[in-house]
Amino acid sequence: MDGWPHLVPPPSDWNAINAPPEAIRALGVGPSVVRARAYFMLGESLLRRTKAAEQDAAIYSYVMAHVLRPEAAAYINLGVVLRQSGRIAAARSVFNQAVAHTPGVSAAFTNLATLPGTAPEEAAALLLRAVSLAPSDGISYAALAGVLKRRGDHGGAQAAHALSLRLSPASGTLHFGDWRAWWLAFYERRQQQQRSTDGIQYQVS
C-alpha cells in the first residue's frame, strides 16, 4: 500500500460498521481526491470508537486516505487510533513518519513524545520542537511540564506548567501533577469544537 505497513485488512462487511450509510457509499464514488476525503472523514468519525472492528475500520480508512492522496493528518490521526487500539509499536512507526513527512506540524512531535515508551530525553527534545512550532498551544507545554518533572527539572517543569495554564485557563483546576488528566480534558474540548469543512484536523492522543 504505497509504502504503508500492512496494518489491517479491509472490513469484511462495511455495513456492520456503525457509520452513516452515505459515508460508506461515498468511499467508491468520484475521483481519487474525493474518495480520499471520504475515507479520511470516515476515519475521523470512527477515531474515538472503542470496538475493535470500528477501530480497525478507522485504521484502514486512514491508510486508504493516504494511498489516494497523501496528507499529514492521515499519518497523525492513524497514529492516534493505533495508540488507542494498543498497537504501540505501529503507532510509533507512523508518528515517526509524521515527523519526517511534516516537520512543521507540532502535533506530530507532541504525539510521538507522549507515546508510551518514549525516553524522557527524547520526549523533552520532541516537545521543545513542538512548542517552538506552536508557541500558543498549551497542550504541548502541559506535556513538556510532565516530562521535565520526571527528569527532575522542577524549575523548567513549573515554568512550562505556568505557560500551559496561561494559554488554557480552564486547566487551572487541575494540580501540577495531573498533566495527563489535563491532556485528556484539553483533547475532549478540541473534539467538541466545530470542525472546518475544508481543513485537515490534526489530533492529539
Protein backbone atom coordinates (compact mmCIF):
# COMPACT_ATOMS: atom_id res chain seq x y z
CA MET A 1 0.00 0.00 0.00
CA ASP A 2 2.37 2.68 -1.24
CA GLY A 3 4.94 2.06 1.46
CA TRP A 4 2.50 1.78 4.34
CA PRO A 5 2.80 -1.19 6.69
CA HIS A 6 0.08 -3.78 6.29
CA LEU A 7 -1.86 -2.87 9.41
CA VAL A 8 -5.35 -4.30 8.99
CA PRO A 9 -7.38 -5.87 6.17
CA PRO A 10 -10.44 -4.06 4.80
CA PRO A 11 -13.62 -4.66 6.79
CA SER A 12 -15.30 -7.87 5.69
CA ASP A 13 -18.69 -6.17 6.00
CA TRP A 14 -18.79 -2.38 5.83
CA ASN A 15 -22.49 -2.47 6.68
CA ALA A 16 -21.60 -3.86 10.10
CA ILE A 17 -19.65 -0.68 10.89
CA ASN A 18 -21.66 1.85 12.87
CA ALA A 19 -21.35 4.69 10.38
CA PRO A 20 -23.82 6.58 8.17
CA PRO A 21 -24.64 4.54 5.04
CA GLU A 22 -23.93 7.55 2.84
CA ALA A 23 -20.41 7.74 4.27
CA ILE A 24 -19.81 4.12 3.28
CA ARG A 25 -21.24 4.65 -0.22
CA ALA A 26 -19.02 7.71 -0.75
CA LEU A 27 -15.87 5.58 -0.46
CA GLY A 28 -16.25 4.26 -4.00
CA VAL A 29 -17.58 7.38 -5.74
CA GLY A 30 -15.69 10.02 -7.71
CA PRO A 31 -12.05 10.78 -8.47
CA SER A 32 -9.26 9.82 -6.08
CA VAL A 33 -9.20 13.20 -4.32
CA VAL A 34 -12.90 12.88 -3.49
CA ARG A 35 -12.57 9.28 -2.35
CA ALA A 36 -9.54 10.20 -0.23
CA ARG A 37 -11.60 12.82 1.54
CA ALA A 38 -14.41 10.29 2.06
CA TYR A 39 -12.03 7.78 3.61
CA PHE A 40 -10.46 10.45 5.79
CA MET A 41 -13.82 11.70 7.06
CA LEU A 42 -14.92 8.14 7.79
CA GLY A 43 -11.72 7.63 9.78
CA GLU A 44 -12.46 10.84 11.67
CA SER A 45 -15.96 9.64 12.54
CA LEU A 46 -14.52 6.38 13.92
CA LEU A 47 -11.48 7.90 15.60
CA ARG A 48 -12.67 7.66 19.22
CA ARG A 49 -14.56 4.37 18.93
CA THR A 50 -13.71 1.53 21.30
CA LYS A 51 -14.97 -1.53 19.40
CA ALA A 52 -12.15 -3.45 17.73
CA ALA A 53 -13.96 -3.70 14.37
CA GLU A 54 -14.57 0.06 14.30
CA GLN A 55 -11.00 0.85 15.31
CA ASP A 56 -9.74 -1.40 12.52
CA ALA A 57 -12.10 0.31 10.07
CA ALA A 58 -10.68 3.68 11.15
CA ILE A 59 -7.13 2.42 10.63
CA TYR A 60 -7.97 1.07 7.18
CA SER A 61 -9.74 4.32 6.26
CA TYR A 62 -6.75 6.48 7.19
CA VAL A 63 -4.40 4.20 5.23
CA MET A 64 -6.63 4.44 2.15
CA ALA A 65 -6.88 8.22 2.54
CA HIS A 66 -3.11 8.39 2.39
CA VAL A 67 -2.82 5.97 -0.53
CA LEU A 68 -5.29 8.00 -2.56
CA ARG A 69 -3.93 11.40 -1.53
CA PRO A 70 -1.07 11.66 0.98
CA GLU A 71 -1.92 14.02 3.82
CA ALA A 72 -0.13 14.72 7.08
CA ALA A 73 -3.28 14.14 9.09
CA ALA A 74 -3.52 10.60 7.76
CA TYR A 75 -0.20 9.89 9.45
CA ILE A 76 -1.05 11.69 12.67
CA ASN A 77 -4.61 10.51 13.11
CA LEU A 78 -3.69 6.98 12.07
CA GLY A 79 -1.11 7.01 14.84
CA VAL A 80 -3.74 8.19 17.29
CA VAL A 81 -6.12 5.31 16.57
CA LEU A 82 -3.25 2.82 16.56
CA ARG A 83 -2.30 4.02 20.03
CA GLN A 84 -5.89 3.79 21.21
CA SER A 85 -6.14 0.22 19.93
CA GLY A 86 -2.97 -0.80 21.77
CA ARG A 87 -0.71 -1.08 18.71
CA ILE A 88 2.07 0.99 20.26
CA ALA A 89 4.92 -0.17 18.01
CA ALA A 90 2.89 0.56 14.87
CA ALA A 91 1.84 3.92 16.31
CA ARG A 92 5.49 4.82 16.92
CA SER A 93 6.37 3.93 13.32
CA VAL A 94 3.52 6.07 11.98
CA PHE A 95 4.29 9.04 14.26
CA ASN A 96 7.92 8.87 13.11
CA GLN A 97 6.62 9.08 9.55
CA ALA A 98 4.51 12.06 10.58
CA VAL A 99 7.57 13.84 11.98
CA ALA A 100 9.55 13.13 8.81
CA HIS A 101 6.65 13.92 6.46
CA THR A 102 5.51 17.14 8.16
CA PRO A 103 8.37 18.67 10.18
CA GLY A 104 6.38 21.90 10.50
CA VAL A 105 3.36 20.38 12.30
CA SER A 106 3.62 20.47 16.09
CA ALA A 107 1.07 17.67 16.66
CA ALA A 108 3.41 15.17 15.00
CA PHE A 109 6.11 15.87 17.59
CA THR A 110 3.69 16.03 20.53
CA ASN A 111 2.11 12.68 19.73
CA LEU A 112 5.46 10.94 19.34
CA ALA A 113 6.77 12.49 22.55
CA THR A 114 3.81 11.34 24.64
CA LEU A 115 3.70 7.80 23.25
CA PRO A 116 4.34 5.20 25.99
CA GLY A 117 7.94 4.07 25.96
CA THR A 118 9.45 7.29 24.60
CA ALA A 119 12.58 8.06 26.61
CA PRO A 120 12.32 11.26 28.72
CA GLU A 121 15.29 12.88 26.96
CA GLU A 122 13.80 12.19 23.53
CA ALA A 123 10.34 13.29 24.69
CA ALA A 124 11.71 16.59 26.02
CA ALA A 125 13.50 17.30 22.72
CA LEU A 126 10.39 16.49 20.71
CA LEU A 127 8.17 18.68 22.91
CA LEU A 128 10.61 21.58 22.74
CA ARG A 129 10.33 21.30 18.96
CA ALA A 130 6.53 21.19 19.26
CA VAL A 131 6.33 24.36 21.37
CA SER A 132 8.73 26.15 19.02
CA LEU A 133 6.33 25.38 16.16
CA ALA A 134 3.16 26.27 18.08
CA PRO A 135 4.11 28.61 20.95
CA SER A 136 0.46 29.46 21.71
CA ASP A 137 -0.68 25.84 22.05
CA GLY A 138 -0.92 24.98 25.75
CA ILE A 139 -1.23 21.24 25.19
CA SER A 140 2.45 20.81 24.34
CA TYR A 141 3.51 22.92 27.31
CA ALA A 142 1.46 20.71 29.62
CA ALA A 143 3.11 17.58 28.25
CA LEU A 144 6.54 19.24 28.47
CA ALA A 145 5.88 20.06 32.13
CA GLY A 146 5.23 16.41 32.89
CA VAL A 147 8.37 15.24 31.07
CA LEU A 148 10.60 17.84 32.73
CA LYS A 149 9.22 16.93 36.13
CA ARG A 150 10.05 13.27 35.56
CA ARG A 151 13.59 14.28 34.59
CA GLY A 152 13.98 16.24 37.83
CA ASP A 153 13.93 19.69 36.21
CA HIS A 154 11.34 21.13 38.58
CA GLY A 155 12.07 24.75 37.67
CA GLY A 156 11.57 24.10 33.98
CA ALA A 157 8.51 22.00 34.71
CA GLN A 158 6.92 24.75 36.78
CA ALA A 159 7.59 27.31 34.04
CA ALA A 160 6.08 25.06 31.35
CA HIS A 161 3.09 24.33 33.58
CA ALA A 162 2.52 28.04 34.18
CA LEU A 163 2.54 28.65 30.44
CA SER A 164 0.04 25.86 29.87
CA LEU A 165 -2.29 27.40 32.46
CA ARG A 166 -1.95 30.86 30.94
CA LEU A 167 -2.66 29.58 27.43
CA SER A 168 -5.55 27.36 28.59
CA PRO A 169 -7.07 28.89 31.76
CA ALA A 170 -9.69 26.12 32.04
CA SER A 171 -6.92 23.75 33.07
CA GLY A 172 -6.28 25.77 36.21
CA THR A 173 -8.49 23.50 38.28
CA LEU A 174 -6.01 20.63 37.79
CA HIS A 175 -2.98 20.18 40.03
CA PHE A 176 0.53 20.30 38.69
CA GLY A 177 0.97 16.54 38.77
CA ASP A 178 -2.21 15.91 36.77
CA TRP A 179 -0.80 16.76 33.37
CA ARG A 180 -2.17 13.57 31.78
CA ALA A 181 -5.68 14.42 33.01
CA TRP A 182 -5.20 17.95 31.65
CA TRP A 183 -4.12 16.46 28.33
CA LEU A 184 -7.27 14.36 28.06
CA ALA A 185 -9.52 17.24 29.11
CA PHE A 186 -7.90 19.53 26.54
CA TYR A 187 -8.33 16.90 23.82
CA GLU A 188 -12.01 16.41 24.63
CA ARG A 189 -12.62 20.16 24.39
CA ARG A 190 -10.96 20.19 20.99
CA GLN A 191 -13.10 17.32 19.81
CA GLN A 192 -16.24 19.24 20.72
CA GLN A 193 -15.24 22.30 18.68
CA GLN A 194 -16.75 22.89 15.26
CA ARG A 195 -14.51 21.41 12.60
CA SER A 196 -13.62 23.20 9.40
CA THR A 197 -15.32 21.68 6.38
CA ASP A 198 -12.17 22.07 4.30
CA GLY A 199 -9.17 22.00 6.63
CA ILE A 200 -7.32 18.96 7.91
CA GLN A 201 -7.57 18.49 11.67
CA TYR A 202 -4.52 17.17 13.48
CA GLN A 203 -5.36 15.10 16.56
CA VAL A 204 -3.55 14.51 19.81
CA SER A 205 -3.91 11.19 21.52
